[in-house]
Amino acid sequence: MAGKGYTYTSSGTNDQGNHYCSRDYGGSSGYHYSNSNGSYYYSNPNGSTYYNSGTGYSQYTSPNGTTHSSTSGQK
């Protein structure tokens, strides 16, 4: 996709309605999952990850492995 800094390499949806997408950032790659329960997960080309439960909990892990999490209590 032009202007985004990446191109999609693969994507799909499984029988449970969970979607995945892989991206090429020009020498490095990343992917994300969007699940039917509202949760999602990103794995970024710099090695960081991000998870959101869809129910108020999220967790970010930086490239050096430091983890930050929060609970918003939305649901």
N, C-alpha and C. Protein backbone atom coordinates (compact mmCIF):
# COMPACT_ATOMS: atom_id res chain seq x y z
N MET A 1 0.84 -1.17 0.00
CA MET A 1 0.00 0.00 0.00
C MET A 1 0.89 1.23 0.00
N ALA A 2 0.74 2.08 -0.98
CA ALA A 2 1.58 3.25 -1.15
C ALA A 2 1.39 4.23 0.00
N GLY A 3 2.52 4.84 0.43
CA GLY A 3 2.47 5.85 1.46
C GLY A 3 2.40 5.32 2.88
N LYS A 4 2.28 4.02 3.06
CA LYS A 4 2.16 3.44 4.40
C LYS A 4 3.48 2.87 4.91
N GLY A 5 4.47 2.69 4.03
CA GLY A 5 5.74 2.15 4.45
C GLY A 5 5.77 0.64 4.51
N TYR A 6 4.74 -0.02 4.03
CA TYR A 6 4.70 -1.47 4.01
C TYR A 6 3.81 -1.96 2.87
N THR A 7 3.97 -3.23 2.56
CA THR A 7 3.06 -3.89 1.63
C THR A 7 2.50 -5.12 2.31
N TYR A 8 1.26 -5.46 2.00
CA TYR A 8 0.63 -6.65 2.54
C TYR A 8 1.19 -7.87 1.81
N THR A 9 1.60 -8.88 2.57
CA THR A 9 2.11 -10.10 1.96
C THR A 9 1.12 -11.25 2.03
N SER A 10 0.28 -11.26 3.05
CA SER A 10 -0.77 -12.27 3.13
C SER A 10 -1.81 -11.84 4.15
N SER A 11 -3.00 -12.36 3.97
CA SER A 11 -4.06 -12.09 4.94
C SER A 11 -5.14 -13.14 4.78
N GLY A 12 -5.98 -13.25 5.77
CA GLY A 12 -7.05 -14.22 5.69
C GLY A 12 -7.90 -14.22 6.95
N THR A 13 -8.93 -15.01 6.91
CA THR A 13 -9.84 -15.17 8.03
C THR A 13 -10.11 -16.65 8.23
N ASN A 14 -10.01 -17.13 9.46
CA ASN A 14 -10.26 -18.54 9.71
C ASN A 14 -11.74 -18.82 9.98
N ASP A 15 -12.06 -20.06 10.25
CA ASP A 15 -13.46 -20.47 10.45
C ASP A 15 -14.11 -19.80 11.66
N GLN A 16 -13.30 -19.37 12.63
CA GLN A 16 -13.84 -18.72 13.82
C GLN A 16 -14.02 -17.21 13.63
N GLY A 17 -13.68 -16.70 12.44
CA GLY A 17 -13.82 -15.29 12.16
C GLY A 17 -12.65 -14.44 12.60
N ASN A 18 -11.53 -15.08 12.92
CA ASN A 18 -10.32 -14.36 13.33
C ASN A 18 -9.51 -13.99 12.08
N HIS A 19 -9.13 -12.74 11.99
CA HIS A 19 -8.43 -12.22 10.82
C HIS A 19 -6.95 -12.05 11.13
N TYR A 20 -6.10 -12.36 10.14
CA TYR A 20 -4.68 -12.09 10.28
C TYR A 20 -4.18 -11.35 9.05
N CYS A 21 -3.10 -10.64 9.22
CA CYS A 21 -2.51 -9.89 8.11
C CYS A 21 -1.01 -9.81 8.34
N SER A 22 -0.24 -10.19 7.32
CA SER A 22 1.22 -10.07 7.37
C SER A 22 1.66 -8.91 6.50
N ARG A 23 2.70 -8.21 6.95
CA ARG A 23 3.18 -7.03 6.22
C ARG A 23 4.69 -7.10 6.04
N ASP A 24 5.15 -6.59 4.92
CA ASP A 24 6.57 -6.46 4.63
C ASP A 24 6.92 -4.97 4.67
N TYR A 25 7.89 -4.63 5.51
CA TYR A 25 8.31 -3.23 5.66
C TYR A 25 9.61 -2.95 4.91
N GLY A 26 9.93 -3.77 3.94
CA GLY A 26 11.15 -3.57 3.18
C GLY A 26 12.37 -4.10 3.90
N GLY A 27 12.43 -5.38 4.13
CA GLY A 27 13.55 -6.00 4.82
C GLY A 27 13.19 -6.51 6.20
N SER A 28 12.08 -6.08 6.74
CA SER A 28 11.60 -6.60 8.02
C SER A 28 10.10 -6.84 7.87
N SER A 29 9.56 -7.60 8.78
CA SER A 29 8.15 -7.95 8.64
C SER A 29 7.41 -7.79 9.96
N GLY A 30 6.11 -7.75 9.87
CA GLY A 30 5.24 -7.68 11.03
C GLY A 30 3.91 -8.31 10.70
N TYR A 31 3.08 -8.48 11.70
CA TYR A 31 1.76 -9.06 11.45
C TYR A 31 0.80 -8.62 12.54
N HIS A 32 -0.47 -8.81 12.28
CA HIS A 32 -1.46 -8.58 13.33
C HIS A 32 -2.59 -9.58 13.21
N TYR A 33 -3.23 -9.80 14.33
CA TYR A 33 -4.43 -10.62 14.42
C TYR A 33 -5.57 -9.77 14.97
N SER A 34 -6.72 -9.88 14.38
CA SER A 34 -7.94 -9.27 14.91
C SER A 34 -8.92 -10.41 15.14
N ASN A 35 -9.30 -10.63 16.37
CA ASN A 35 -10.11 -11.79 16.72
C ASN A 35 -11.59 -11.46 16.86
N SER A 36 -12.41 -12.45 16.65
CA SER A 36 -13.86 -12.25 16.69
C SER A 36 -14.36 -11.87 18.08
N ASN A 37 -13.55 -12.10 19.12
CA ASN A 37 -13.95 -11.73 20.48
C ASN A 37 -13.61 -10.27 20.81
N GLY A 38 -13.06 -9.55 19.83
CA GLY A 38 -12.73 -8.14 20.03
C GLY A 38 -11.28 -7.89 20.39
N SER A 39 -10.51 -8.93 20.64
CA SER A 39 -9.10 -8.76 20.97
C SER A 39 -8.27 -8.62 19.70
N TYR A 40 -7.08 -8.03 19.85
CA TYR A 40 -6.17 -7.94 18.72
C TYR A 40 -4.73 -7.91 19.21
N TYR A 41 -3.83 -8.26 18.31
CA TYR A 41 -2.41 -8.42 18.63
C TYR A 41 -1.58 -7.92 17.46
N TYR A 42 -0.57 -7.13 17.75
CA TYR A 42 0.36 -6.65 16.73
C TYR A 42 1.77 -7.10 17.07
N SER A 43 2.48 -7.59 16.09
CA SER A 43 3.91 -7.85 16.20
C SER A 43 4.58 -6.93 15.19
N ASN A 44 5.39 -6.00 15.67
CA ASN A 44 5.96 -4.95 14.84
C ASN A 44 7.37 -5.28 14.37
N PRO A 45 7.80 -4.68 13.27
CA PRO A 45 9.12 -5.02 12.72
C PRO A 45 10.29 -4.64 13.63
N ASN A 46 10.09 -3.75 14.58
CA ASN A 46 11.17 -3.39 15.51
C ASN A 46 11.28 -4.35 16.68
N GLY A 47 10.42 -5.38 16.71
CA GLY A 47 10.45 -6.38 17.77
C GLY A 47 9.45 -6.12 18.89
N SER A 48 8.77 -5.00 18.85
CA SER A 48 7.77 -4.71 19.88
C SER A 48 6.47 -5.44 19.57
N THR A 49 5.66 -5.65 20.59
CA THR A 49 4.35 -6.27 20.42
C THR A 49 3.31 -5.48 21.20
N TYR A 50 2.08 -5.59 20.76
CA TYR A 50 0.98 -4.94 21.45
C TYR A 50 -0.22 -5.87 21.44
N TYR A 51 -0.83 -6.06 22.60
CA TYR A 51 -2.03 -6.90 22.72
C TYR A 51 -3.12 -6.08 23.40
N ASN A 52 -4.32 -6.18 22.88
CA ASN A 52 -5.49 -5.56 23.50
C ASN A 52 -6.57 -6.63 23.60
N SER A 53 -7.09 -6.83 24.79
CA SER A 53 -8.07 -7.89 25.03
C SER A 53 -9.45 -7.57 24.47
N GLY A 54 -9.70 -6.29 24.21
CA GLY A 54 -11.03 -5.88 23.79
C GLY A 54 -11.97 -5.68 24.96
N THR A 55 -11.49 -5.99 26.17
CA THR A 55 -12.32 -5.84 27.38
C THR A 55 -11.63 -4.98 28.43
N GLY A 56 -10.69 -4.14 28.01
CA GLY A 56 -10.07 -3.20 28.93
C GLY A 56 -8.64 -3.48 29.33
N TYR A 57 -8.09 -4.62 28.96
CA TYR A 57 -6.70 -4.93 29.29
C TYR A 57 -5.83 -4.76 28.05
N SER A 58 -4.67 -4.14 28.21
CA SER A 58 -3.72 -4.05 27.10
C SER A 58 -2.31 -4.26 27.62
N GLN A 59 -1.46 -4.72 26.74
CA GLN A 59 -0.06 -4.96 27.10
C GLN A 59 0.84 -4.60 25.93
N TYR A 60 1.86 -3.81 26.21
CA TYR A 60 2.86 -3.45 25.21
C TYR A 60 4.20 -3.97 25.67
N THR A 61 4.92 -4.62 24.77
CA THR A 61 6.28 -5.06 25.06
C THR A 61 7.21 -4.35 24.10
N SER A 62 8.16 -3.63 24.65
CA SER A 62 9.08 -2.84 23.84
C SER A 62 10.12 -3.75 23.18
N PRO A 63 10.87 -3.21 22.22
CA PRO A 63 11.90 -4.03 21.56
C PRO A 63 12.94 -4.61 22.52
N ASN A 64 13.20 -3.95 23.65
CA ASN A 64 14.18 -4.48 24.60
C ASN A 64 13.58 -5.44 25.62
N GLY A 65 12.27 -5.73 25.50
CA GLY A 65 11.63 -6.71 26.34
C GLY A 65 10.90 -6.16 27.55
N THR A 66 10.93 -4.85 27.74
CA THR A 66 10.21 -4.24 28.85
C THR A 66 8.71 -4.28 28.57
N THR A 67 7.94 -4.75 29.54
CA THR A 67 6.50 -4.91 29.36
C THR A 67 5.75 -3.87 30.17
N HIS A 68 4.77 -3.25 29.53
CA HIS A 68 3.88 -2.30 30.18
C HIS A 68 2.46 -2.81 29.98
N SER A 69 1.68 -2.84 31.02
CA SER A 69 0.29 -3.28 30.88
C SER A 69 -0.63 -2.33 31.62
N SER A 70 -1.87 -2.33 31.19
CA SER A 70 -2.85 -1.49 31.86
C SER A 70 -4.22 -2.14 31.79
N THR A 71 -5.05 -1.78 32.72
CA THR A 71 -6.43 -2.24 32.75
C THR A 71 -7.32 -1.02 32.90
N SER A 72 -8.18 -0.81 31.92
CA SER A 72 -9.03 0.39 31.96
C SER A 72 -10.37 0.13 32.63
N GLY A 73 -10.75 -1.14 32.76
CA GLY A 73 -12.03 -1.46 33.38
C GLY A 73 -13.22 -1.02 32.56
N GLN A 74 -13.05 -0.99 31.25
CA GLN A 74 -14.13 -0.56 30.37
C GLN A 74 -15.32 -1.49 30.43
N LYS A 75 -15.07 -2.79 30.56
CA LYS A 75 -16.17 -3.76 30.54
C LYS A 75 -16.08 -4.67 31.74
